[in-house]
């Protein structure tokens, strides 16, 4: 089992500066590297303070200079917002900067609010076309000269400059069976997230992955990563789980506000949807958040991840975007490093 850190700068009000959030993200990454994590993942989101990363590339390039062993994952680049030449060239440059530590995650995108601003209002559900066209094009550009005449992009003979030191692994954010099939058929690793759902969703996503393997006999098995909101609390703090559950509740009420795309943000902020909206939604109850996300003592977390390992999961990603303060995130990550990871070594 490999372990990775999935991290963004989260800003919930204007009391914490962006510079401080940048330093906090750096500290968590350095902790993860020292603690034996394989990869740090940073995604792409636009114009929203609660998930700050207009491009993963500058952050990952900075972290490349501050680290020596941890791999650097763009998790994920939103395909409809990029041109394949930029993806190929920027990812290759990061691979050169980091001496071969780049990992490329690609996704179709999810927030309509971002498509309204970066893709002329294209329905977010159509983002998969860009993802499917981009993957083989980027690989061809890494190999050498290539001219493309596709549905979305057309360009004369071009190549990626620079070239990566080693061809970076490509990961696909997958949920539906078609995405799993596309990833496996194209030799891409698969990243999945159950969001607020319980481990039955992990089983369902694993089954989709297994079905994709069966549909593509002869293709080498790619890697499967599960991304989970994670909060570890000490054994002697029996109420510690409530800290994480309360924060994750706020995180998903904020997610709901952005995903619903019904209000105009003010300076990049949207208030969380009110709690009464979810009165009939059991997944928002604190006890269910505790049960469904990765919240618990080190011993409880170990048991859950062992179950994932038995299911065939290759990488567990510690998702520390959850609305907690930096100090709480640091405490949780330290407990994970000190008491959870050793059980898998």
C-alpha atoms as a PDB file:
ATOM      1  CA  UNK A   1       0.000   0.000   0.000  1.00  0.00           C
ATOM      2  CA  UNK A   2       1.330   3.404  -1.016  1.00  0.00           C
ATOM      3  CA  UNK A   3       0.274   6.581   0.756  1.00  0.00           C
ATOM      4  CA  UNK A   4      -0.111  10.026  -0.764  1.00  0.00           C
ATOM      5  CA  UNK A   5      -1.198  13.480   0.351  1.00  0.00           C
ATOM      6  CA  UNK A   6      -3.969  15.334  -1.488  1.00  0.00           C
ATOM      7  CA  UNK A   7      -3.816  18.987  -0.506  1.00  0.00           C
ATOM      8  CA  UNK A   8      -4.966  22.470  -1.507  1.00  0.00           C
ATOM      9  CA  UNK A   9      -4.868  25.870   0.077  1.00  0.00           C
ATOM     10  CA  UNK A  10      -8.252  26.307   1.803  1.00  0.00           C
ATOM     11  CA  UNK A  11      -9.463  29.757   2.766  1.00  0.00           C
ATOM     12  CA  UNK A  12     -12.703  30.145   4.676  1.00  0.00           C
ATOM     13  CA  UNK A  13     -12.467  33.870   5.437  1.00  0.00           C
ATOM     14  CA  UNK A  14     -10.056  36.735   4.924  1.00  0.00           C
ATOM     15  CA  UNK A  15      -8.383  36.353   8.329  1.00  0.00           C
ATOM     16  CA  UNK A  16      -5.682  34.043   6.931  1.00  0.00           C
ATOM     17  CA  UNK A  17      -3.475  35.349   4.111  1.00  0.00           C
ATOM     18  CA  UNK A  18      -2.801  33.462   0.906  1.00  0.00           C
ATOM     19  CA  UNK A  19       0.893  33.583   1.762  1.00  0.00           C
ATOM     20  CA  UNK A  20       0.244  31.813   5.057  1.00  0.00           C
ATOM     21  CA  UNK A  21      -1.821  29.152   3.296  1.00  0.00           C
ATOM     22  CA  UNK A  22       1.045  28.592   0.844  1.00  0.00           C
ATOM     23  CA  UNK A  23       3.470  28.107   3.727  1.00  0.00           C
ATOM     24  CA  UNK A  24       1.016  25.752   5.436  1.00  0.00           C
ATOM     25  CA  UNK A  25       0.677  23.622   2.295  1.00  0.00           C
ATOM     26  CA  UNK A  26       4.462  23.467   2.021  1.00  0.00           C
ATOM     27  CA  UNK A  27       4.791  22.343   5.648  1.00  0.00           C
ATOM     28  CA  UNK A  28       2.274  19.530   5.185  1.00  0.00           C
ATOM     29  CA  UNK A  29       4.080  18.363   2.038  1.00  0.00           C
ATOM     30  CA  UNK A  30       7.464  18.303   3.772  1.00  0.00           C
ATOM     31  CA  UNK A  31       5.920  16.350   6.654  1.00  0.00           C
ATOM     32  CA  UNK A  32       4.464  13.860   4.175  1.00  0.00           C
ATOM     33  CA  UNK A  33       7.794  13.354   2.432  1.00  0.00           C
ATOM     34  CA  UNK A  34       9.627  12.832   5.716  1.00  0.00           C
ATOM     35  CA  UNK A  35       6.889  10.425   6.779  1.00  0.00           C
ATOM     36  CA  UNK A  36       7.274   8.160   3.759  1.00  0.00           C
ATOM     37  CA  UNK A  37       4.419   9.334   1.537  1.00  0.00           C
ATOM     38  CA  UNK A  38       4.927   8.427  -2.117  1.00  0.00           C
ATOM     39  CA  UNK A  39       3.217  11.417  -3.771  1.00  0.00           C
ATOM     40  CA  UNK A  40       1.718  14.833  -3.127  1.00  0.00           C
ATOM     41  CA  UNK A  41      -1.324  15.645  -5.272  1.00  0.00           C
ATOM     42  CA  UNK A  42      -2.564  19.168  -6.046  1.00  0.00           C
ATOM     43  CA  UNK A  43      -5.552  19.806  -8.306  1.00  0.00           C
ATOM     44  CA  UNK A  44      -6.970  22.621 -10.377  1.00  0.00           C
ATOM     45  CA  UNK A  45      -9.819  24.928  -9.374  1.00  0.00           C
ATOM     46  CA  UNK A  46     -10.675  28.460 -10.368  1.00  0.00           C
ATOM     47  CA  UNK A  47     -12.003  31.560  -8.593  1.00  0.00           C
ATOM     48  CA  UNK A  48     -13.048  29.739  -5.413  1.00  0.00           C
ATOM     49  CA  UNK A  49     -11.339  30.480  -2.115  1.00  0.00           C
ATOM     50  CA  UNK A  50     -12.246  27.217  -0.431  1.00  0.00           C
ATOM     51  CA  UNK A  51     -10.138  25.252  -2.941  1.00  0.00           C
ATOM     52  CA  UNK A  52      -7.271  27.445  -4.169  1.00  0.00           C
ATOM     53  CA  UNK A  53      -5.220  26.200  -7.121  1.00  0.00           C
ATOM     54  CA  UNK A  54      -5.660  27.971 -10.464  1.00  0.00           C
ATOM     55  CA  UNK A  55      -2.913  25.665 -11.726  1.00  0.00           C
ATOM     56  CA  UNK A  56      -1.094  22.866  -9.912  1.00  0.00           C
ATOM     57  CA  UNK A  57       2.093  23.551 -11.873  1.00  0.00           C
ATOM     58  CA  UNK A  58       3.608  26.551  -9.985  1.00  0.00           C
ATOM     59  CA  UNK A  59       2.989  24.891  -6.620  1.00  0.00           C
ATOM     60  CA  UNK A  60       4.440  21.567  -7.775  1.00  0.00           C
ATOM     61  CA  UNK A  61       7.474  23.273  -9.338  1.00  0.00           C
ATOM     62  CA  UNK A  62       8.153  25.042  -6.046  1.00  0.00           C
ATOM     63  CA  UNK A  63       7.734  21.797  -4.112  1.00  0.00           C
ATOM     64  CA  UNK A  64      10.094  20.056  -6.551  1.00  0.00           C
ATOM     65  CA  UNK A  65      12.854  22.381  -5.344  1.00  0.00           C
ATOM     66  CA  UNK A  66      11.984  21.848  -1.662  1.00  0.00           C
ATOM     67  CA  UNK A  67      11.790  18.040  -1.793  1.00  0.00           C
ATOM     68  CA  UNK A  68      13.942  15.143  -2.969  1.00  0.00           C
ATOM     69  CA  UNK A  69      11.920  11.917  -3.002  1.00  0.00           C
ATOM     70  CA  UNK A  70       8.175  12.575  -2.990  1.00  0.00           C
ATOM     71  CA  UNK A  71       6.517  12.387  -6.401  1.00  0.00           C
ATOM     72  CA  UNK A  72       4.592  15.415  -7.660  1.00  0.00           C
ATOM     73  CA  UNK A  73       1.071  14.801  -8.911  1.00  0.00           C
ATOM     74  CA  UNK A  74      -1.235  17.147 -10.782  1.00  0.00           C
ATOM     75  CA  UNK A  75      -4.437  15.786  -9.378  1.00  0.00           C
ATOM     76  CA  UNK A  76      -6.097  16.772 -11.579  1.00  0.00           C
ATOM     77  CA  UNK A  77      -5.669  18.914 -14.691  1.00  0.00           C
ATOM     78  CA  UNK A  78      -9.130  19.762 -16.079  1.00  0.00           C
ATOM     79  CA  UNK A  79      -8.834  18.684 -19.708  1.00  0.00           C
ATOM     80  CA  UNK A  80     -11.420  21.064 -21.277  1.00  0.00           C
ATOM     81  CA  UNK A  81      -9.527  24.083 -19.933  1.00  0.00           C
ATOM     82  CA  UNK A  82      -6.165  23.157 -21.500  1.00  0.00           C
ATOM     83  CA  UNK A  83      -4.573  22.638 -24.909  1.00  0.00           C
ATOM     84  CA  UNK A  84      -2.724  19.316 -25.320  1.00  0.00           C
ATOM     85  CA  UNK A  85       0.528  21.077 -26.231  1.00  0.00           C
ATOM     86  CA  UNK A  86       0.443  22.981 -22.941  1.00  0.00           C
ATOM     87  CA  UNK A  87      -0.322  19.853 -20.934  1.00  0.00           C
ATOM     88  CA  UNK A  88       2.485  17.909 -22.604  1.00  0.00           C
ATOM     89  CA  UNK A  89       5.045  20.714 -22.356  1.00  0.00           C
ATOM     90  CA  UNK A  90       4.272  21.892 -18.828  1.00  0.00           C
ATOM     91  CA  UNK A  91       4.136  18.360 -17.410  1.00  0.00           C
ATOM     92  CA  UNK A  92       7.396  17.475 -19.158  1.00  0.00           C
ATOM     93  CA  UNK A  93       9.048  20.628 -17.804  1.00  0.00           C
ATOM     94  CA  UNK A  94       7.929  19.738 -14.282  1.00  0.00           C
ATOM     95  CA  UNK A  95       9.354  16.255 -14.810  1.00  0.00           C
ATOM     96  CA  UNK A  96      12.707  17.796 -15.782  1.00  0.00           C
ATOM     97  CA  UNK A  97      12.644  20.215 -12.835  1.00  0.00           C
ATOM     98  CA  UNK A  98      11.866  17.378 -10.409  1.00  0.00           C
ATOM     99  CA  UNK A  99      14.278  14.886 -12.014  1.00  0.00           C
ATOM    100  CA  UNK A 100      11.577  12.467 -13.103  1.00  0.00           C
ATOM    101  CA  UNK A 101       9.027  12.748 -10.275  1.00  0.00           C
ATOM    102  CA  UNK A 102       5.993  13.994 -12.230  1.00  0.00           C
ATOM    103  CA  UNK A 103       2.590  12.224 -12.174  1.00  0.00           C
ATOM    104  CA  UNK A 104      -0.172  13.496 -14.466  1.00  0.00           C
ATOM    105  CA  UNK A 105      -3.803  13.328 -13.398  1.00  0.00           C
ATOM    106  CA  UNK A 106      -6.491  14.298 -15.906  1.00  0.00           C
ATOM    107  CA  UNK A 107     -10.206  14.842 -15.348  1.00  0.00           C
ATOM    108  CA  UNK A 108     -13.216  16.047 -17.278  1.00  0.00           C
ATOM    109  CA  UNK A 109     -14.138  18.700 -14.677  1.00  0.00           C
ATOM    110  CA  UNK A 110     -17.188  18.911 -12.449  1.00  0.00           C
ATOM    111  CA  UNK A 111     -18.146  22.442 -11.380  1.00  0.00           C
ATOM    112  CA  UNK A 112     -20.461  24.173 -13.856  1.00  0.00           C
ATOM    113  CA  UNK A 113     -19.409  27.442 -12.221  1.00  0.00           C
ATOM    114  CA  UNK A 114     -15.911  26.899 -13.688  1.00  0.00           C
ATOM    115  CA  UNK A 115     -17.197  25.929 -17.139  1.00  0.00           C
ATOM    116  CA  UNK A 116     -19.315  29.081 -17.176  1.00  0.00           C
ATOM    117  CA  UNK A 117     -16.156  31.136 -16.737  1.00  0.00           C
ATOM    118  CA  UNK A 118     -13.492  29.180 -18.632  1.00  0.00           C
ATOM    119  CA  UNK A 119     -15.384  27.275 -21.333  1.00  0.00           C
ATOM    120  CA  UNK A 120     -18.076  29.738 -22.472  1.00  0.00           C
ATOM    121  CA  UNK A 121     -20.757  27.946 -20.498  1.00  0.00           C
ATOM    122  CA  UNK A 122     -20.185  24.519 -22.035  1.00  0.00           C
ATOM    123  CA  UNK A 123     -22.075  21.914 -19.976  1.00  0.00           C
ATOM    124  CA  UNK A 124     -19.675  20.311 -17.506  1.00  0.00           C
ATOM    125  CA  UNK A 125     -21.073  16.926 -18.519  1.00  0.00           C
ATOM    126  CA  UNK A 126     -19.439  17.360 -21.935  1.00  0.00           C
ATOM    127  CA  UNK A 127     -15.942  17.645 -20.494  1.00  0.00           C
ATOM    128  CA  UNK A 128     -15.292  13.960 -21.063  1.00  0.00           C
ATOM    129  CA  UNK A 129     -14.794  14.560 -24.808  1.00  0.00           C
ATOM    130  CA  UNK A 130     -11.732  16.679 -24.092  1.00  0.00           C
ATOM    131  CA  UNK A 131     -10.353  14.122 -21.656  1.00  0.00           C
ATOM    132  CA  UNK A 132     -10.705  11.246 -24.130  1.00  0.00           C
ATOM    133  CA  UNK A 133      -9.113  13.195 -26.974  1.00  0.00           C
ATOM    134  CA  UNK A 134      -6.286  14.594 -24.877  1.00  0.00           C
ATOM    135  CA  UNK A 135      -4.765  11.427 -23.382  1.00  0.00           C
ATOM    136  CA  UNK A 136      -3.376   9.842 -26.571  1.00  0.00           C
ATOM    137  CA  UNK A 137      -2.341  13.247 -27.967  1.00  0.00           C
ATOM    138  CA  UNK A 138      -0.206  14.092 -24.924  1.00  0.00           C
ATOM    139  CA  UNK A 139       1.540  10.719 -25.140  1.00  0.00           C
ATOM    140  CA  UNK A 140       2.287  11.229 -28.849  1.00  0.00           C
ATOM    141  CA  UNK A 141       3.742  14.683 -28.161  1.00  0.00           C
ATOM    142  CA  UNK A 142       6.036  13.230 -25.491  1.00  0.00           C
ATOM    143  CA  UNK A 143       7.275  10.694 -28.037  1.00  0.00           C
ATOM    144  CA  UNK A 144       8.198  13.207 -30.772  1.00  0.00           C
ATOM    145  CA  UNK A 145       6.743  14.990 -33.801  1.00  0.00           C
ATOM    146  CA  UNK A 146       2.999  14.637 -34.131  1.00  0.00           C
ATOM    147  CA  UNK A 147       0.247  16.421 -36.092  1.00  0.00           C
ATOM    148  CA  UNK A 148      -3.301  16.263 -34.781  1.00  0.00           C
ATOM    149  CA  UNK A 149      -6.649  16.586 -36.554  1.00  0.00           C
ATOM    150  CA  UNK A 150      -9.285  15.890 -33.915  1.00  0.00           C
ATOM    151  CA  UNK A 151     -12.775  16.968 -32.988  1.00  0.00           C
ATOM    152  CA  UNK A 152     -11.669  19.577 -30.447  1.00  0.00           C
ATOM    153  CA  UNK A 153      -8.070  20.378 -31.390  1.00  0.00           C
ATOM    154  CA  UNK A 154      -6.221  20.630 -34.684  1.00  0.00           C
ATOM    155  CA  UNK A 155      -2.559  21.548 -35.037  1.00  0.00           C
ATOM    156  CA  UNK A 156       0.314  20.925 -37.478  1.00  0.00           C
ATOM    157  CA  UNK A 157       3.391  18.870 -36.697  1.00  0.00           C
ATOM    158  CA  UNK A 158       4.551  19.702 -33.170  1.00  0.00           C
ATOM    159  CA  UNK A 159       6.300  18.072 -30.264  1.00  0.00           C
ATOM    160  CA  UNK A 160       6.622  18.485 -26.542  1.00  0.00           C
ATOM    161  CA  UNK A 161       9.540  20.707 -25.602  1.00  0.00           C
ATOM    162  CA  UNK A 162      11.096  19.719 -23.303  1.00  0.00           C
ATOM    163  CA  UNK A 163      10.692  15.953 -23.201  1.00  0.00           C
ATOM    164  CA  UNK A 164      10.073  14.265 -19.849  1.00  0.00           C
ATOM    165  CA  UNK A 165      12.964  12.398 -18.255  1.00  0.00           C
ATOM    166  CA  UNK A 166      10.726   9.355 -18.016  1.00  0.00           C
ATOM    167  CA  UNK A 167       7.219   9.149 -19.438  1.00  0.00           C
ATOM    168  CA  UNK A 168       5.046  10.271 -16.506  1.00  0.00           C
ATOM    169  CA  UNK A 169       2.243   7.955 -15.404  1.00  0.00           C
ATOM    170  CA  UNK A 170      -1.184   9.252 -16.414  1.00  0.00           C
ATOM    171  CA  UNK A 171      -4.071   8.937 -13.963  1.00  0.00           C
ATOM    172  CA  UNK A 172      -7.747   9.322 -14.821  1.00  0.00           C
ATOM    173  CA  UNK A 173     -10.318  10.502 -12.284  1.00  0.00           C
ATOM    174  CA  UNK A 174     -13.041   7.902 -12.846  1.00  0.00           C
ATOM    175  CA  UNK A 175     -16.533   7.345 -11.501  1.00  0.00           C
ATOM    176  CA  UNK A 176     -18.767   5.810 -14.189  1.00  0.00           C
ATOM    177  CA  UNK A 177     -18.017   2.508 -15.994  1.00  0.00           C
ATOM    178  CA  UNK A 178     -17.105   4.272 -19.258  1.00  0.00           C
ATOM    179  CA  UNK A 179     -14.382   6.278 -17.499  1.00  0.00           C
ATOM    180  CA  UNK A 180     -12.941   3.133 -15.930  1.00  0.00           C
ATOM    181  CA  UNK A 181     -12.977   1.358 -19.286  1.00  0.00           C
ATOM    182  CA  UNK A 182     -11.313   4.286 -21.035  1.00  0.00           C
ATOM    183  CA  UNK A 183      -8.584   4.504 -18.402  1.00  0.00           C
ATOM    184  CA  UNK A 184      -7.755   0.796 -18.436  1.00  0.00           C
ATOM    185  CA  UNK A 185      -7.921   0.498 -22.239  1.00  0.00           C
ATOM    186  CA  UNK A 186      -5.484   3.423 -22.554  1.00  0.00           C
ATOM    187  CA  UNK A 187      -3.015   2.188 -19.955  1.00  0.00           C
ATOM    188  CA  UNK A 188      -3.881   4.865 -17.398  1.00  0.00           C
ATOM    189  CA  UNK A 189      -4.001   4.489 -13.642  1.00  0.00           C
ATOM    190  CA  UNK A 190      -7.359   5.162 -11.953  1.00  0.00           C
ATOM    191  CA  UNK A 191      -8.125   7.546  -9.088  1.00  0.00           C
ATOM    192  CA  UNK A 192     -11.517   7.361  -7.382  1.00  0.00           C
ATOM    193  CA  UNK A 193     -13.187   9.189  -4.515  1.00  0.00           C
ATOM    194  CA  UNK A 194     -16.305   8.048  -2.645  1.00  0.00           C
ATOM    195  CA  UNK A 195     -16.812  11.653  -1.410  1.00  0.00           C
ATOM    196  CA  UNK A 196     -19.325  11.397   1.489  1.00  0.00           C
ATOM    197  CA  UNK A 197     -20.364   7.815   0.790  1.00  0.00           C
ATOM    198  CA  UNK A 198     -19.264   4.842   2.872  1.00  0.00           C
ATOM    199  CA  UNK A 199     -17.040   1.897   2.099  1.00  0.00           C
ATOM    200  CA  UNK A 200     -19.801   0.273   0.066  1.00  0.00           C
ATOM    201  CA  UNK A 201     -19.030   2.983  -2.501  1.00  0.00           C
ATOM    202  CA  UNK A 202     -15.351   1.988  -2.421  1.00  0.00           C
ATOM    203  CA  UNK A 203     -16.424  -1.583  -3.174  1.00  0.00           C
ATOM    204  CA  UNK A 204     -18.640  -0.371  -6.030  1.00  0.00           C
ATOM    205  CA  UNK A 205     -15.839   1.713  -7.549  1.00  0.00           C
ATOM    206  CA  UNK A 206     -13.421  -1.210  -7.172  1.00  0.00           C
ATOM    207  CA  UNK A 207     -15.941  -3.441  -8.968  1.00  0.00           C
ATOM    208  CA  UNK A 208     -16.146  -0.972 -11.871  1.00  0.00           C
ATOM    209  CA  UNK A 209     -12.358  -1.061 -12.053  1.00  0.00           C
ATOM    210  CA  UNK A 210     -12.363  -4.876 -12.008  1.00  0.00           C
ATOM    211  CA  UNK A 211     -14.991  -4.963 -14.748  1.00  0.00           C
ATOM    212  CA  UNK A 212     -12.841  -2.649 -16.853  1.00  0.00           C
ATOM    213  CA  UNK A 213      -9.916  -5.047 -16.405  1.00  0.00           C
ATOM    214  CA  UNK A 214     -12.118  -7.920 -17.539  1.00  0.00           C
ATOM    215  CA  UNK A 215     -13.253  -5.889 -20.560  1.00  0.00           C
ATOM    216  CA  UNK A 216      -9.647  -5.296 -21.605  1.00  0.00           C
ATOM    217  CA  UNK A 217      -7.843  -8.648 -21.424  1.00  0.00           C
ATOM    218  CA  UNK A 218      -4.146  -8.509 -22.137  1.00  0.00           C
ATOM    219  CA  UNK A 219      -3.765  -4.940 -20.892  1.00  0.00           C
ATOM    220  CA  UNK A 220      -1.307  -4.661 -17.967  1.00  0.00           C
ATOM    221  CA  UNK A 221      -3.155  -3.921 -14.733  1.00  0.00           C
ATOM    222  CA  UNK A 222      -2.941  -0.225 -13.866  1.00  0.00           C
ATOM    223  CA  UNK A 223      -2.857   1.188 -10.343  1.00  0.00           C
ATOM    224  CA  UNK A 224      -5.996   2.013  -8.329  1.00  0.00           C
ATOM    225  CA  UNK A 225      -5.995   4.913  -5.867  1.00  0.00           C
ATOM    226  CA  UNK A 226      -8.724   5.800  -3.349  1.00  0.00           C
ATOM    227  CA  UNK A 227      -8.932   9.400  -2.160  1.00  0.00           C
ATOM    228  CA  UNK A 228     -10.573   9.943   1.235  1.00  0.00           C
ATOM    229  CA  UNK A 229     -11.158  12.902   3.551  1.00  0.00           C
ATOM    230  CA  UNK A 230      -9.004  11.839   6.503  1.00  0.00           C
ATOM    231  CA  UNK A 231      -8.911  12.983  10.116  1.00  0.00           C
ATOM    232  CA  UNK A 232      -7.000  11.013  12.747  1.00  0.00           C
ATOM    233  CA  UNK A 233      -7.552  11.767  16.424  1.00  0.00           C
ATOM    234  CA  UNK A 234      -5.776  10.456  19.494  1.00  0.00           C
ATOM    235  CA  UNK A 235      -6.985   7.399  21.432  1.00  0.00           C
ATOM    236  CA  UNK A 236      -7.336   9.479  24.589  1.00  0.00           C
ATOM    237  CA  UNK A 237      -9.652  12.002  22.882  1.00  0.00           C
ATOM    238  CA  UNK A 238     -12.942  10.111  22.463  1.00  0.00           C
ATOM    239  CA  UNK A 239     -14.740  13.229  21.219  1.00  0.00           C
ATOM    240  CA  UNK A 240     -11.973  14.075  18.743  1.00  0.00           C
ATOM    241  CA  UNK A 241     -13.913  12.632  15.825  1.00  0.00           C
ATOM    242  CA  UNK A 242     -16.492  15.422  16.150  1.00  0.00           C
ATOM    243  CA  UNK A 243     -13.871  18.011  15.187  1.00  0.00           C
ATOM    244  CA  UNK A 244     -13.298  16.290  11.855  1.00  0.00           C
ATOM    245  CA  UNK A 245     -16.939  15.416  11.202  1.00  0.00           C
ATOM    246  CA  UNK A 246     -18.122  18.976  11.874  1.00  0.00           C
ATOM    247  CA  UNK A 247     -15.494  20.412   9.531  1.00  0.00           C
ATOM    248  CA  UNK A 248     -16.292  17.924   6.756  1.00  0.00           C
ATOM    249  CA  UNK A 249     -19.988  18.734   7.147  1.00  0.00           C
ATOM    250  CA  UNK A 250     -19.173  22.395   6.476  1.00  0.00           C
ATOM    251  CA  UNK A 251     -16.872  21.424   3.592  1.00  0.00           C
ATOM    252  CA  UNK A 252     -19.678  19.561   1.801  1.00  0.00           C
ATOM    253  CA  UNK A 253     -22.280  22.212   2.503  1.00  0.00           C
ATOM    254  CA  UNK A 254     -19.859  24.634   0.821  1.00  0.00           C
ATOM    255  CA  UNK A 255     -19.317  22.141  -1.993  1.00  0.00           C
ATOM    256  CA  UNK A 256     -23.105  22.042  -2.393  1.00  0.00           C
ATOM    257  CA  UNK A 257     -23.262  25.817  -2.711  1.00  0.00           C
ATOM    258  CA  UNK A 258     -20.573  25.909  -5.407  1.00  0.00           C
ATOM    259  CA  UNK A 259     -21.839  22.830  -7.235  1.00  0.00           C
ATOM    260  CA  UNK A 260     -25.412  24.123  -7.239  1.00  0.00           C
ATOM    261  CA  UNK A 261     -24.245  27.274  -9.039  1.00  0.00           C
ATOM    262  CA  UNK A 262     -27.299  29.237  -7.878  1.00  0.00           C
ATOM    263  CA  UNK A 263     -25.556  32.208  -6.210  1.00  0.00           C
ATOM    264  CA  UNK A 264     -22.953  34.707  -7.331  1.00  0.00           C
ATOM    265  CA  UNK A 265     -19.744  34.361  -5.286  1.00  0.00           C
ATOM    266  CA  UNK A 266     -18.447  37.465  -3.498  1.00  0.00           C
ATOM    267  CA  UNK A 267     -14.692  37.902  -3.865  1.00  0.00           C
ATOM    268  CA  UNK A 268     -14.311  34.150  -4.299  1.00  0.00           C
ATOM    269  CA  UNK A 269     -16.402  33.176  -1.272  1.00  0.00           C
ATOM    270  CA  UNK A 270     -19.730  31.372  -1.050  1.00  0.00           C
ATOM    271  CA  UNK A 271     -21.420  30.687   2.267  1.00  0.00           C
ATOM    272  CA  UNK A 272     -22.116  27.005   2.984  1.00  0.00           C
ATOM    273  CA  UNK A 273     -25.638  25.883   2.165  1.00  0.00           C
ATOM    274  CA  UNK A 274     -27.705  26.096   5.386  1.00  0.00           C
ATOM    275  CA  UNK A 275     -27.849  23.034   7.618  1.00  0.00           C
ATOM    276  CA  UNK A 276     -31.657  22.849   7.407  1.00  0.00           C
ATOM    277  CA  UNK A 277     -31.370  22.064   3.687  1.00  0.00           C
ATOM    278  CA  UNK A 278     -29.917  18.682   4.654  1.00  0.00           C
ATOM    279  CA  UNK A 279     -32.300  17.770   7.460  1.00  0.00           C
ATOM    280  CA  UNK A 280     -33.511  14.757   5.463  1.00  0.00           C
ATOM    281  CA  UNK A 281     -30.051  13.829   4.182  1.00  0.00           C
ATOM    282  CA  UNK A 282     -28.557  11.235   6.567  1.00  0.00           C
ATOM    283  CA  UNK A 283     -25.114  11.457   4.998  1.00  0.00           C
ATOM    284  CA  UNK A 284     -24.757  14.932   6.536  1.00  0.00           C
ATOM    285  CA  UNK A 285     -25.311  13.691  10.095  1.00  0.00           C
ATOM    286  CA  UNK A 286     -22.087  13.808  12.090  1.00  0.00           C
ATOM    287  CA  UNK A 287     -22.230  10.135  13.074  1.00  0.00           C
ATOM    288  CA  UNK A 288     -22.586   9.127   9.430  1.00  0.00           C
ATOM    289  CA  UNK A 289     -19.751  11.409   8.359  1.00  0.00           C
ATOM    290  CA  UNK A 290     -17.665   9.726  11.051  1.00  0.00           C
ATOM    291  CA  UNK A 291     -18.565   6.292   9.703  1.00  0.00           C
ATOM    292  CA  UNK A 292     -18.327   7.080   5.991  1.00  0.00           C
ATOM    293  CA  UNK A 293     -15.241   9.273   5.685  1.00  0.00           C
ATOM    294  CA  UNK A 294     -11.848   8.265   7.090  1.00  0.00           C
ATOM    295  CA  UNK A 295     -12.235   9.548  10.658  1.00  0.00           C
ATOM    296  CA  UNK A 296     -11.001   7.676  13.701  1.00  0.00           C
ATOM    297  CA  UNK A 297      -8.186   6.665  15.987  1.00  0.00           C
ATOM    298  CA  UNK A 298      -5.024   5.249  14.397  1.00  0.00           C
ATOM    299  CA  UNK A 299      -6.189   1.697  15.128  1.00  0.00           C
ATOM    300  CA  UNK A 300      -9.566   2.339  13.473  1.00  0.00           C
ATOM    301  CA  UNK A 301      -7.923   3.944  10.445  1.00  0.00           C
ATOM    302  CA  UNK A 302      -5.508   1.002  10.075  1.00  0.00           C
ATOM    303  CA  UNK A 303      -8.384  -1.480   9.984  1.00  0.00           C
ATOM    304  CA  UNK A 304     -10.226   0.505   7.304  1.00  0.00           C
ATOM    305  CA  UNK A 305      -7.158   0.846   5.086  1.00  0.00           C
ATOM    306  CA  UNK A 306      -6.352  -2.860   5.496  1.00  0.00           C
ATOM    307  CA  UNK A 307      -9.828  -3.539   4.109  1.00  0.00           C
ATOM    308  CA  UNK A 308      -8.993  -1.335   1.092  1.00  0.00           C
ATOM    309  CA  UNK A 309      -5.760  -3.235   0.649  1.00  0.00           C
ATOM    310  CA  UNK A 310      -7.678  -6.522   0.599  1.00  0.00           C
ATOM    311  CA  UNK A 311      -9.979  -5.044  -2.066  1.00  0.00           C
ATOM    312  CA  UNK A 312      -6.948  -4.450  -4.302  1.00  0.00           C
ATOM    313  CA  UNK A 313      -6.403  -0.734  -3.715  1.00  0.00           C
ATOM    314  CA  UNK A 314      -2.780   0.207  -4.451  1.00  0.00           C
ATOM    315  CA  UNK A 315      -2.660   3.745  -3.047  1.00  0.00           C
ATOM    316  CA  UNK A 316      -4.520   5.482  -0.255  1.00  0.00           C
ATOM    317  CA  UNK A 317      -4.569   9.252  -0.572  1.00  0.00           C
ATOM    318  CA  UNK A 318      -4.897  11.258   2.650  1.00  0.00           C
ATOM    319  CA  UNK A 319      -7.228  14.072   1.582  1.00  0.00           C
ATOM    320  CA  UNK A 320      -6.657  16.898   4.008  1.00  0.00           C
ATOM    321  CA  UNK A 321      -9.094  19.366   2.413  1.00  0.00           C
ATOM    322  CA  UNK A 322     -11.745  19.334   5.118  1.00  0.00           C
ATOM    323  CA  UNK A 323     -12.210  22.803   6.579  1.00  0.00           C
ATOM    324  CA  UNK A 324      -9.986  22.199   9.604  1.00  0.00           C
ATOM    325  CA  UNK A 325      -7.398  24.668  10.843  1.00  0.00           C
ATOM    326  CA  UNK A 326      -3.798  24.100   9.814  1.00  0.00           C
ATOM    327  CA  UNK A 327      -2.908  23.088  13.367  1.00  0.00           C
ATOM    328  CA  UNK A 328      -5.606  20.393  13.371  1.00  0.00           C
ATOM    329  CA  UNK A 329      -4.461  19.153   9.965  1.00  0.00           C
ATOM    330  CA  UNK A 330      -0.868  18.996  11.158  1.00  0.00           C
ATOM    331  CA  UNK A 331      -1.834  17.012  14.287  1.00  0.00           C
ATOM    332  CA  UNK A 332      -3.894  14.579  12.241  1.00  0.00           C
ATOM    333  CA  UNK A 333      -1.168  14.053   9.633  1.00  0.00           C
ATOM    334  CA  UNK A 334       1.447  13.499  12.339  1.00  0.00           C
ATOM    335  CA  UNK A 335      -0.687  10.800  13.973  1.00  0.00           C
ATOM    336  CA  UNK A 336      -1.142   9.157  10.570  1.00  0.00           C
ATOM    337  CA  UNK A 337       2.609   9.213   9.922  1.00  0.00           C
ATOM    338  CA  UNK A 338       3.614   8.056  13.407  1.00  0.00           C
ATOM    339  CA  UNK A 339       0.962   5.421  14.065  1.00  0.00           C
ATOM    340  CA  UNK A 340      -0.799   4.377  10.848  1.00  0.00           C
ATOM    341  CA  UNK A 341       1.915   4.089   8.195  1.00  0.00           C
ATOM    342  CA  UNK A 342       4.185   1.825  10.318  1.00  0.00           C
ATOM    343  CA  UNK A 343       1.429  -0.822  10.319  1.00  0.00           C
ATOM    344  CA  UNK A 344       1.900  -1.156   6.541  1.00  0.00           C
ATOM    345  CA  UNK A 345       5.686  -1.291   6.539  1.00  0.00           C
END
